Amino acid sequence: MSVNVKPLGDYVVAEPEEAPTKTASGLYLPEKATEKPKVAKVLAAGPKATQIKVGDRILYKSYSPTEVKVDGKDYLLVKEEDVLATLQ
């Protein structure tokens, strides 16, 4: 996937995952009841990002990312130091 945002330094551009709208037992959750996911897929990485690469799924700090909208799509700009873990 090509993204029109090129991160600088140790920032990464990530696409947030959708919050689940249905519980395991089949109940649908209203939008206000769902917690924002803190997991995203990395679409681009800056030149100084050493431990994160494109395609990684990351877990990031709640209040650290900068949310941007480019060409109608929502993206996150996250500093590498604010990434808590990569997910398998």
C-alpha atoms as a PDB file:
ATOM      1  CA  MET A   1       0.000   0.000   0.000  1.00  0.00           C
ATOM      2  CA  SER A   2       1.377   3.384  -0.949  1.00  0.00           C
ATOM      3  CA  VAL A   3       0.898   6.303   1.404  1.00  0.00           C
ATOM      4  CA  ASN A   4       1.344   9.971   0.464  1.00  0.00           C
ATOM      5  CA  VAL A   5       3.010  10.815   3.792  1.00  0.00           C
ATOM      6  CA  LYS A   6       6.777  10.434   4.177  1.00  0.00           C
ATOM      7  CA  PRO A   7       7.805  10.442   7.851  1.00  0.00           C
ATOM      8  CA  LEU A   8      10.959  12.239   8.978  1.00  0.00           C
ATOM      9  CA  GLY A   9      13.416  11.264  11.701  1.00  0.00           C
ATOM     10  CA  ASP A  10      12.239   8.370  13.857  1.00  0.00           C
ATOM     11  CA  TYR A  11       8.522   8.767  13.123  1.00  0.00           C
ATOM     12  CA  VAL A  12       6.389   6.051  11.533  1.00  0.00           C
ATOM     13  CA  VAL A  13       3.124   6.386   9.613  1.00  0.00           C
ATOM     14  CA  ALA A  14       0.585   3.814  10.730  1.00  0.00           C
ATOM     15  CA  GLU A  15      -3.009   2.905   9.941  1.00  0.00           C
ATOM     16  CA  PRO A  16      -5.093   2.287  13.087  1.00  0.00           C
ATOM     17  CA  GLU A  17      -6.998  -0.976  13.362  1.00  0.00           C
ATOM     18  CA  GLU A  18     -10.776  -0.822  13.648  1.00  0.00           C
ATOM     19  CA  ALA A  19     -12.323  -1.301  17.088  1.00  0.00           C
ATOM     20  CA  PRO A  20     -14.453  -4.430  17.360  1.00  0.00           C
ATOM     21  CA  THR A  21     -18.178  -3.689  17.130  1.00  0.00           C
ATOM     22  CA  LYS A  22     -19.327  -7.106  18.294  1.00  0.00           C
ATOM     23  CA  THR A  23     -18.542  -9.049  21.469  1.00  0.00           C
ATOM     24  CA  ALA A  24     -17.494 -12.689  21.524  1.00  0.00           C
ATOM     25  CA  SER A  25     -21.038 -13.643  22.537  1.00  0.00           C
ATOM     26  CA  GLY A  26     -22.517 -11.816  19.524  1.00  0.00           C
ATOM     27  CA  LEU A  27     -23.733  -8.570  21.118  1.00  0.00           C
ATOM     28  CA  TYR A  28     -23.244  -5.390  19.104  1.00  0.00           C
ATOM     29  CA  LEU A  29     -21.530  -2.505  20.891  1.00  0.00           C
ATOM     30  CA  PRO A  30     -22.545   1.129  20.437  1.00  0.00           C
ATOM     31  CA  GLU A  31     -19.760   3.386  19.138  1.00  0.00           C
ATOM     32  CA  LYS A  32     -19.442   5.264  22.454  1.00  0.00           C
ATOM     33  CA  ALA A  33     -18.886   2.009  24.352  1.00  0.00           C
ATOM     34  CA  THR A  34     -15.916   0.894  22.271  1.00  0.00           C
ATOM     35  CA  GLU A  35     -12.415   1.806  23.327  1.00  0.00           C
ATOM     36  CA  LYS A  36     -10.090   3.228  20.679  1.00  0.00           C
ATOM     37  CA  PRO A  37      -7.639   0.558  19.592  1.00  0.00           C
ATOM     38  CA  LYS A  38      -3.987   1.114  20.389  1.00  0.00           C
ATOM     39  CA  VAL A  39      -2.811  -1.205  17.623  1.00  0.00           C
ATOM     40  CA  ALA A  40      -1.855  -0.069  14.127  1.00  0.00           C
ATOM     41  CA  LYS A  41      -0.112  -1.347  11.003  1.00  0.00           C
ATOM     42  CA  VAL A  42       3.038   0.515   9.921  1.00  0.00           C
ATOM     43  CA  LEU A  43       2.810   1.848   6.356  1.00  0.00           C
ATOM     44  CA  ALA A  44       6.023   3.925   6.249  1.00  0.00           C
ATOM     45  CA  ALA A  45       9.020   4.462   8.518  1.00  0.00           C
ATOM     46  CA  GLY A  46      11.382   7.420   8.776  1.00  0.00           C
ATOM     47  CA  PRO A  47      15.118   7.051   8.074  1.00  0.00           C
ATOM     48  CA  LYS A  48      16.047   7.024  11.789  1.00  0.00           C
ATOM     49  CA  ALA A  49      13.490   4.384  12.800  1.00  0.00           C
ATOM     50  CA  THR A  50      15.757   1.451  13.600  1.00  0.00           C
ATOM     51  CA  GLN A  51      13.553  -1.185  15.242  1.00  0.00           C
ATOM     52  CA  ILE A  52      10.304  -0.775  13.325  1.00  0.00           C
ATOM     53  CA  LYS A  53       9.760  -1.641   9.682  1.00  0.00           C
ATOM     54  CA  VAL A  54       6.950  -1.370   7.168  1.00  0.00           C
ATOM     55  CA  GLY A  55       4.330  -4.079   7.703  1.00  0.00           C
ATOM     56  CA  ASP A  56       4.818  -4.393  11.477  1.00  0.00           C
ATOM     57  CA  ARG A  57       1.776  -4.284  13.755  1.00  0.00           C
ATOM     58  CA  ILE A  58       2.567  -2.000  16.669  1.00  0.00           C
ATOM     59  CA  LEU A  59       1.144  -1.289  20.111  1.00  0.00           C
ATOM     60  CA  TYR A  60       1.550   2.403  20.952  1.00  0.00           C
ATOM     61  CA  LYS A  61       0.982   4.749  23.897  1.00  0.00           C
ATOM     62  CA  SER A  62      -2.563   6.124  24.115  1.00  0.00           C
ATOM     63  CA  TYR A  63      -1.857   9.844  23.964  1.00  0.00           C
ATOM     64  CA  SER A  64       1.308   9.917  21.880  1.00  0.00           C
ATOM     65  CA  PRO A  65       0.248   9.672  18.210  1.00  0.00           C
ATOM     66  CA  THR A  66      -0.638  12.604  16.012  1.00  0.00           C
ATOM     67  CA  GLU A  67      -3.783  11.874  14.012  1.00  0.00           C
ATOM     68  CA  VAL A  68      -3.833  13.154  10.411  1.00  0.00           C
ATOM     69  CA  LYS A  69      -6.245  12.775   7.530  1.00  0.00           C
ATOM     70  CA  VAL A  70      -4.725  12.587   4.030  1.00  0.00           C
ATOM     71  CA  ASP A  71      -6.844  12.028   0.921  1.00  0.00           C
ATOM     72  CA  GLY A  72      -9.802  11.026   3.108  1.00  0.00           C
ATOM     73  CA  LYS A  73      -7.921   8.323   5.065  1.00  0.00           C
ATOM     74  CA  ASP A  74      -6.945   8.475   8.726  1.00  0.00           C
ATOM     75  CA  TYR A  75      -3.306   7.892   9.653  1.00  0.00           C
ATOM     76  CA  LEU A  76      -1.215   8.106  12.793  1.00  0.00           C
ATOM     77  CA  LEU A  77       2.247   9.615  13.128  1.00  0.00           C
ATOM     78  CA  VAL A  78       4.000   7.861  16.008  1.00  0.00           C
ATOM     79  CA  LYS A  79       7.491   8.469  17.339  1.00  0.00           C
ATOM     80  CA  GLU A  80       9.512   5.257  17.576  1.00  0.00           C
ATOM     81  CA  GLU A  81      10.114   5.800  21.306  1.00  0.00           C
ATOM     82  CA  ASP A  82       6.312   5.827  21.868  1.00  0.00           C
ATOM     83  CA  VAL A  83       5.898   2.342  20.390  1.00  0.00           C
ATOM     84  CA  LEU A  84       5.581  -0.136  23.239  1.00  0.00           C
ATOM     85  CA  ALA A  85       5.814  -3.400  21.273  1.00  0.00           C
ATOM     86  CA  THR A  86       5.445  -5.089  17.909  1.00  0.00           C
ATOM     87  CA  LEU A  87       2.787  -7.785  17.638  1.00  0.00           C
ATOM     88  CA  GLN A  88       3.180 -11.161  15.964  1.00  0.00           C
END
